[in-house]
Amino acid sequence: QVQLVESGGGLVQAGDSLRLACASSGRTVSRASIGWFRQAPGKERESVAAISWNGGRIYYADSVSGRFTISRDNAKNTVSLQMNALKPEDTAVYYCAARPVSNSYEFYTAALDYDYWGQGTQVTVSS
């Protein structure tokens, strides 16, 4: 069983930065595609970023490209999401998700492709 725990959310002003972390326990997720998703009130869950097992393939949604950076430390079983130049429209609950893979470059961007989810962390950006 894999357990994912997000941390680092909070209330910030527009233009500020936050760094989210996703830590895994139980079965290691070092050999897993990891994705960050977010869901704002009244909206569907959307993909924000994803990273392959070896970090060699990375995806960003257009809305965050150039502002957010995803990275991973497989030795520590953690994946981070650095969020800079935050905007009010970034306000949402942010979730990390994991899907074990067999290929180091394999990764996924759709929520339905992920097997394990964290409980989420709230990010609120005031204008």
N, C-alpha and C. Protein backbone atom coordinates (compact mmCIF):
# COMPACT_ATOMS: atom_id res chain seq x y z
N GLN A 1 0.84 -1.18 0.00
CA GLN A 1 0.00 0.00 0.00
C GLN A 1 0.88 1.23 0.00
N VAL A 2 0.51 2.20 -0.79
CA VAL A 2 1.25 3.46 -0.88
C VAL A 2 0.42 4.55 -0.23
N GLN A 3 1.06 5.33 0.60
CA GLN A 3 0.40 6.48 1.19
C GLN A 3 1.16 7.74 0.79
N LEU A 4 0.41 8.72 0.33
CA LEU A 4 0.99 9.99 -0.09
C LEU A 4 0.49 11.10 0.83
N VAL A 5 1.38 11.97 1.22
CA VAL A 5 1.02 13.08 2.09
C VAL A 5 1.58 14.37 1.50
N GLU A 6 0.68 15.31 1.21
CA GLU A 6 1.10 16.62 0.71
C GLU A 6 1.28 17.59 1.87
N SER A 7 2.17 18.54 1.67
CA SER A 7 2.37 19.60 2.66
C SER A 7 2.86 20.84 1.95
N GLY A 8 2.80 21.96 2.66
CA GLY A 8 3.34 23.20 2.12
C GLY A 8 2.32 24.20 1.64
N GLY A 9 1.05 23.84 1.68
CA GLY A 9 0.02 24.79 1.26
C GLY A 9 -0.13 25.92 2.25
N GLY A 10 -0.90 26.92 1.86
CA GLY A 10 -1.14 28.04 2.75
C GLY A 10 -1.82 29.19 2.05
N LEU A 11 -1.89 30.30 2.76
CA LEU A 11 -2.50 31.53 2.25
C LEU A 11 -1.38 32.52 1.93
N VAL A 12 -1.34 32.95 0.68
CA VAL A 12 -0.31 33.89 0.25
C VAL A 12 -0.95 34.98 -0.60
N GLN A 13 -0.16 36.00 -0.90
CA GLN A 13 -0.64 37.07 -1.78
C GLN A 13 -0.18 36.81 -3.21
N ALA A 14 -0.88 37.43 -4.13
CA ALA A 14 -0.50 37.30 -5.54
C ALA A 14 0.95 37.73 -5.72
N GLY A 15 1.69 36.94 -6.48
CA GLY A 15 3.10 37.21 -6.71
C GLY A 15 4.04 36.45 -5.79
N ASP A 16 3.50 35.91 -4.71
CA ASP A 16 4.32 35.16 -3.77
C ASP A 16 4.63 33.77 -4.30
N SER A 17 5.41 33.05 -3.52
CA SER A 17 5.80 31.68 -3.87
C SER A 17 5.43 30.70 -2.76
N LEU A 18 5.23 29.46 -3.15
CA LEU A 18 5.03 28.37 -2.22
C LEU A 18 5.73 27.14 -2.78
N ARG A 19 6.15 26.27 -1.88
CA ARG A 19 6.74 25.01 -2.30
C ARG A 19 5.95 23.87 -1.66
N LEU A 20 5.30 23.09 -2.50
CA LEU A 20 4.56 21.93 -2.03
C LEU A 20 5.45 20.71 -2.05
N ALA A 21 5.21 19.82 -1.10
CA ALA A 21 5.96 18.57 -1.06
C ALA A 21 4.99 17.40 -1.00
N CYS A 22 5.36 16.33 -1.63
CA CYS A 22 4.59 15.09 -1.61
C CYS A 22 5.52 13.99 -1.12
N ALA A 23 5.22 13.47 0.05
CA ALA A 23 6.03 12.42 0.64
C ALA A 23 5.27 11.11 0.61
N SER A 24 5.97 10.04 0.33
CA SER A 24 5.31 8.74 0.28
C SER A 24 5.82 7.84 1.39
N SER A 25 4.97 6.99 1.85
CA SER A 25 5.33 6.00 2.86
C SER A 25 4.78 4.66 2.43
N GLY A 26 5.22 3.62 3.11
CA GLY A 26 4.82 2.30 2.71
C GLY A 26 5.64 1.86 1.52
N ARG A 27 5.01 1.26 0.59
CA ARG A 27 5.69 0.83 -0.62
C ARG A 27 6.31 2.02 -1.32
N THR A 28 7.55 1.90 -1.73
CA THR A 28 8.24 3.02 -2.35
C THR A 28 7.59 3.40 -3.67
N VAL A 29 7.60 4.69 -3.94
CA VAL A 29 7.08 5.16 -5.22
C VAL A 29 8.20 5.75 -6.05
N SER A 30 9.43 5.34 -5.75
CA SER A 30 10.53 5.87 -6.54
C SER A 30 10.39 5.45 -7.99
N ARG A 31 9.82 4.25 -8.23
CA ARG A 31 9.59 3.82 -9.60
C ARG A 31 8.13 4.10 -9.96
N ALA A 32 7.82 5.38 -10.00
CA ALA A 32 6.44 5.77 -10.27
C ALA A 32 6.39 7.10 -11.00
N SER A 33 5.40 7.22 -11.84
CA SER A 33 5.07 8.52 -12.40
C SER A 33 4.33 9.28 -11.31
N ILE A 34 4.72 10.52 -11.10
CA ILE A 34 4.09 11.35 -10.08
C ILE A 34 3.44 12.55 -10.76
N GLY A 35 2.23 12.82 -10.38
CA GLY A 35 1.54 13.99 -10.92
C GLY A 35 1.02 14.88 -9.82
N TRP A 36 0.97 16.16 -10.12
CA TRP A 36 0.31 17.14 -9.25
C TRP A 36 -0.96 17.58 -9.96
N PHE A 37 -2.04 17.61 -9.21
CA PHE A 37 -3.33 18.03 -9.72
C PHE A 37 -3.90 19.08 -8.78
N ARG A 38 -4.90 19.81 -9.26
CA ARG A 38 -5.57 20.76 -8.39
C ARG A 38 -7.05 20.79 -8.73
N GLN A 39 -7.81 21.17 -7.72
CA GLN A 39 -9.25 21.29 -7.90
C GLN A 39 -9.74 22.51 -7.15
N ALA A 40 -10.31 23.42 -7.89
CA ALA A 40 -10.91 24.62 -7.31
C ALA A 40 -12.39 24.37 -7.09
N PRO A 41 -13.01 25.12 -6.18
CA PRO A 41 -14.44 24.93 -5.90
C PRO A 41 -15.27 25.05 -7.17
N GLY A 42 -16.13 24.08 -7.39
CA GLY A 42 -17.02 24.12 -8.54
C GLY A 42 -16.38 23.76 -9.86
N LYS A 43 -15.12 23.36 -9.83
CA LYS A 43 -14.41 23.01 -11.05
C LYS A 43 -13.92 21.57 -11.01
N GLU A 44 -13.63 21.03 -12.17
CA GLU A 44 -13.09 19.68 -12.25
C GLU A 44 -11.61 19.67 -11.86
N ARG A 45 -11.17 18.50 -11.42
CA ARG A 45 -9.76 18.35 -11.10
C ARG A 45 -8.94 18.46 -12.38
N GLU A 46 -7.86 19.21 -12.33
CA GLU A 46 -7.04 19.40 -13.52
C GLU A 46 -5.58 19.06 -13.24
N SER A 47 -4.92 18.61 -14.27
CA SER A 47 -3.51 18.28 -14.16
C SER A 47 -2.69 19.56 -14.14
N VAL A 48 -1.70 19.60 -13.26
CA VAL A 48 -0.82 20.76 -13.14
C VAL A 48 0.58 20.43 -13.68
N ALA A 49 1.12 19.32 -13.23
CA ALA A 49 2.46 18.91 -13.65
C ALA A 49 2.62 17.41 -13.42
N ALA A 50 3.58 16.83 -14.13
CA ALA A 50 3.87 15.41 -13.95
C ALA A 50 5.34 15.18 -14.23
N ILE A 51 5.89 14.13 -13.61
CA ILE A 51 7.30 13.83 -13.78
C ILE A 51 7.49 12.32 -13.84
N SER A 52 8.36 11.89 -14.73
CA SER A 52 8.62 10.46 -14.86
C SER A 52 9.51 9.97 -13.72
N TRP A 53 9.62 8.68 -13.64
CA TRP A 53 10.41 8.01 -12.59
C TRP A 53 11.82 8.59 -12.51
N ASN A 54 12.47 8.75 -13.65
CA ASN A 54 13.86 9.21 -13.61
C ASN A 54 13.99 10.72 -13.75
N GLY A 55 12.86 11.39 -13.79
CA GLY A 55 12.89 12.85 -13.90
C GLY A 55 13.20 13.35 -15.29
N GLY A 56 13.33 12.43 -16.23
CA GLY A 56 13.72 12.83 -17.57
C GLY A 56 12.61 13.39 -18.43
N ARG A 57 11.39 13.13 -18.04
CA ARG A 57 10.24 13.68 -18.78
C ARG A 57 9.37 14.45 -17.80
N ILE A 58 9.04 15.64 -18.18
CA ILE A 58 8.24 16.52 -17.33
C ILE A 58 7.16 17.17 -18.17
N TYR A 59 5.99 17.32 -17.55
CA TYR A 59 4.86 17.98 -18.20
C TYR A 59 4.37 19.12 -17.30
N TYR A 60 3.99 20.21 -17.93
CA TYR A 60 3.33 21.32 -17.23
C TYR A 60 2.09 21.72 -18.00
N ALA A 61 1.05 22.03 -17.28
CA ALA A 61 -0.11 22.64 -17.90
C ALA A 61 0.27 24.03 -18.40
N ASP A 62 -0.37 24.46 -19.46
CA ASP A 62 -0.07 25.78 -20.03
C ASP A 62 -0.24 26.88 -19.00
N SER A 63 -1.22 26.71 -18.12
CA SER A 63 -1.54 27.76 -17.15
C SER A 63 -0.44 27.96 -16.11
N VAL A 64 0.45 27.00 -15.95
CA VAL A 64 1.50 27.12 -14.92
C VAL A 64 2.90 27.08 -15.51
N SER A 65 3.01 26.80 -16.78
CA SER A 65 4.32 26.70 -17.42
C SER A 65 5.08 28.01 -17.27
N GLY A 66 6.33 27.89 -16.85
CA GLY A 66 7.16 29.07 -16.62
C GLY A 66 7.09 29.61 -15.21
N ARG A 67 6.10 29.16 -14.45
CA ARG A 67 5.95 29.62 -13.06
C ARG A 67 6.15 28.49 -12.06
N PHE A 68 5.76 27.28 -12.41
CA PHE A 68 5.85 26.12 -11.52
C PHE A 68 6.98 25.21 -11.98
N THR A 69 7.62 24.56 -11.01
CA THR A 69 8.67 23.60 -11.31
C THR A 69 8.46 22.34 -10.48
N ILE A 70 8.39 21.21 -11.15
CA ILE A 70 8.27 19.94 -10.45
C ILE A 70 9.63 19.27 -10.40
N SER A 71 9.93 18.63 -9.27
CA SER A 71 11.20 17.93 -9.13
C SER A 71 11.00 16.76 -8.17
N ARG A 72 11.95 15.83 -8.17
CA ARG A 72 11.81 14.67 -7.29
C ARG A 72 13.16 14.25 -6.74
N ASP A 73 13.10 13.66 -5.55
CA ASP A 73 14.28 13.09 -4.90
C ASP A 73 13.90 11.65 -4.57
N ASN A 74 14.27 10.73 -5.43
CA ASN A 74 13.85 9.34 -5.24
C ASN A 74 14.47 8.72 -3.99
N ALA A 75 15.63 9.18 -3.61
CA ALA A 75 16.26 8.64 -2.40
C ALA A 75 15.43 8.97 -1.16
N LYS A 76 14.71 10.08 -1.22
CA LYS A 76 13.90 10.50 -0.09
C LYS A 76 12.40 10.24 -0.32
N ASN A 77 12.08 9.65 -1.46
CA ASN A 77 10.67 9.38 -1.78
C ASN A 77 9.83 10.65 -1.70
N THR A 78 10.33 11.73 -2.23
CA THR A 78 9.58 12.97 -2.20
C THR A 78 9.55 13.62 -3.59
N VAL A 79 8.48 14.31 -3.86
CA VAL A 79 8.33 15.10 -5.08
C VAL A 79 7.88 16.49 -4.67
N SER A 80 8.49 17.49 -5.24
CA SER A 80 8.18 18.87 -4.88
C SER A 80 7.56 19.62 -6.04
N LEU A 81 6.79 20.64 -5.72
CA LEU A 81 6.23 21.55 -6.71
C LEU A 81 6.52 22.96 -6.25
N GLN A 82 7.48 23.60 -6.89
CA GLN A 82 7.80 24.98 -6.58
C GLN A 82 6.88 25.86 -7.38
N MET A 83 6.14 26.72 -6.70
CA MET A 83 5.16 27.59 -7.36
C MET A 83 5.56 29.04 -7.14
N ASN A 84 5.91 29.70 -8.21
CA ASN A 84 6.30 31.11 -8.16
C ASN A 84 5.26 31.97 -8.87
N ALA A 85 5.33 33.25 -8.59
CA ALA A 85 4.43 34.21 -9.23
C ALA A 85 2.98 33.74 -9.16
N LEU A 86 2.56 33.37 -7.98
CA LEU A 86 1.22 32.82 -7.82
C LEU A 86 0.14 33.85 -8.14
N LYS A 87 -0.95 33.34 -8.69
CA LYS A 87 -2.08 34.18 -9.09
C LYS A 87 -3.33 33.73 -8.33
N PRO A 88 -4.31 34.61 -8.19
CA PRO A 88 -5.55 34.19 -7.52
C PRO A 88 -6.18 32.96 -8.16
N GLU A 89 -6.04 32.81 -9.46
CA GLU A 89 -6.63 31.65 -10.14
C GLU A 89 -5.89 30.35 -9.86
N ASP A 90 -4.78 30.43 -9.14
CA ASP A 90 -4.09 29.21 -8.70
C ASP A 90 -4.71 28.65 -7.42
N THR A 91 -5.65 29.37 -6.84
CA THR A 91 -6.30 28.91 -5.62
C THR A 91 -7.02 27.60 -5.86
N ALA A 92 -6.70 26.60 -5.06
CA ALA A 92 -7.29 25.27 -5.22
C ALA A 92 -6.74 24.34 -4.14
N VAL A 93 -7.31 23.17 -4.07
CA VAL A 93 -6.70 22.10 -3.29
C VAL A 93 -5.77 21.35 -4.24
N TYR A 94 -4.53 21.19 -3.82
CA TYR A 94 -3.53 20.54 -4.64
C TYR A 94 -3.30 19.11 -4.14
N TYR A 95 -3.30 18.18 -5.09
CA TYR A 95 -3.12 16.77 -4.78
C TYR A 95 -1.91 16.22 -5.53
N CYS A 96 -1.20 15.31 -4.89
CA CYS A 96 -0.21 14.55 -5.64
C CYS A 96 -0.75 13.13 -5.82
N ALA A 97 -0.30 12.50 -6.88
CA ALA A 97 -0.77 11.17 -7.21
C ALA A 97 0.40 10.36 -7.77
N ALA A 98 0.31 9.05 -7.61
CA ALA A 98 1.38 8.17 -8.05
C ALA A 98 0.84 6.99 -8.83
N ARG A 99 1.61 6.61 -9.84
CA ARG A 99 1.31 5.39 -10.59
C ARG A 99 2.61 4.64 -10.80
N PRO A 100 2.76 3.48 -10.21
CA PRO A 100 3.98 2.68 -10.44
C PRO A 100 4.14 2.36 -11.92
N VAL A 101 5.38 2.46 -12.39
CA VAL A 101 5.67 2.19 -13.79
C VAL A 101 6.88 1.27 -13.90
N SER A 102 7.06 0.70 -15.06
CA SER A 102 8.19 -0.19 -15.28
C SER A 102 9.26 0.45 -16.15
N ASN A 103 8.91 1.52 -16.83
CA ASN A 103 9.82 2.22 -17.72
C ASN A 103 10.20 3.55 -17.12
N SER A 104 11.46 3.87 -17.08
CA SER A 104 11.92 5.07 -16.39
C SER A 104 11.42 6.36 -17.02
N TYR A 105 11.03 6.32 -18.29
CA TYR A 105 10.54 7.52 -18.96
C TYR A 105 9.02 7.56 -19.05
N GLU A 106 8.38 6.56 -18.55
CA GLU A 106 6.92 6.49 -18.63
C GLU A 106 6.30 7.46 -17.64
N PHE A 107 5.32 8.25 -18.10
CA PHE A 107 4.61 9.10 -17.17
C PHE A 107 3.23 9.41 -17.71
N TYR A 108 2.38 9.92 -16.87
CA TYR A 108 0.98 10.13 -17.19
C TYR A 108 0.55 11.51 -16.73
N THR A 109 -0.43 12.06 -17.44
CA THR A 109 -0.93 13.38 -17.08
C THR A 109 -2.40 13.38 -16.71
N ALA A 110 -3.13 12.32 -17.03
CA ALA A 110 -4.56 12.28 -16.74
C ALA A 110 -4.83 11.69 -15.37
N ALA A 111 -5.77 12.29 -14.66
CA ALA A 111 -6.08 11.82 -13.31
C ALA A 111 -6.50 10.37 -13.27
N LEU A 112 -7.23 9.93 -14.29
CA LEU A 112 -7.75 8.56 -14.28
C LEU A 112 -6.65 7.52 -14.42
N ASP A 113 -5.47 7.94 -14.80
CA ASP A 113 -4.35 7.01 -14.96
C ASP A 113 -3.59 6.76 -13.67
N TYR A 114 -3.92 7.49 -12.61
CA TYR A 114 -3.18 7.38 -11.35
C TYR A 114 -3.89 6.48 -10.35
N ASP A 115 -3.08 5.74 -9.60
CA ASP A 115 -3.61 4.75 -8.68
C ASP A 115 -3.70 5.22 -7.24
N TYR A 116 -2.76 6.06 -6.83
CA TYR A 116 -2.68 6.47 -5.42
C TYR A 116 -2.73 7.98 -5.33
N TRP A 117 -3.46 8.45 -4.33
CA TRP A 117 -3.68 9.88 -4.15
C TRP A 117 -3.44 10.30 -2.71
N GLY A 118 -2.94 11.52 -2.55
CA GLY A 118 -2.85 12.11 -1.23
C GLY A 118 -4.16 12.76 -0.85
N GLN A 119 -4.18 13.34 0.35
CA GLN A 119 -5.42 13.94 0.86
C GLN A 119 -5.60 15.38 0.40
N GLY A 120 -4.54 15.97 -0.14
CA GLY A 120 -4.62 17.33 -0.64
C GLY A 120 -4.15 18.37 0.34
N THR A 121 -3.69 19.49 -0.19
CA THR A 121 -3.29 20.64 0.62
C THR A 121 -3.85 21.90 -0.02
N GLN A 122 -4.41 22.77 0.81
CA GLN A 122 -5.08 23.97 0.31
C GLN A 122 -4.06 25.06 -0.02
N VAL A 123 -4.21 25.64 -1.20
CA VAL A 123 -3.43 26.81 -1.59
C VAL A 123 -4.43 27.93 -1.89
N THR A 124 -4.28 29.04 -1.19
CA THR A 124 -5.15 30.18 -1.39
C THR A 124 -4.29 31.39 -1.71
N VAL A 125 -4.58 32.03 -2.84
CA VAL A 125 -3.82 33.19 -3.28
C VAL A 125 -4.76 34.39 -3.30
N SER A 126 -4.46 35.37 -2.49
CA SER A 126 -5.31 36.56 -2.43
C SER A 126 -4.78 37.62 -3.39
N SER A 127 -5.69 38.43 -3.88
CA SER A 127 -5.29 39.47 -4.85
C SER A 127 -4.88 40.76 -4.16
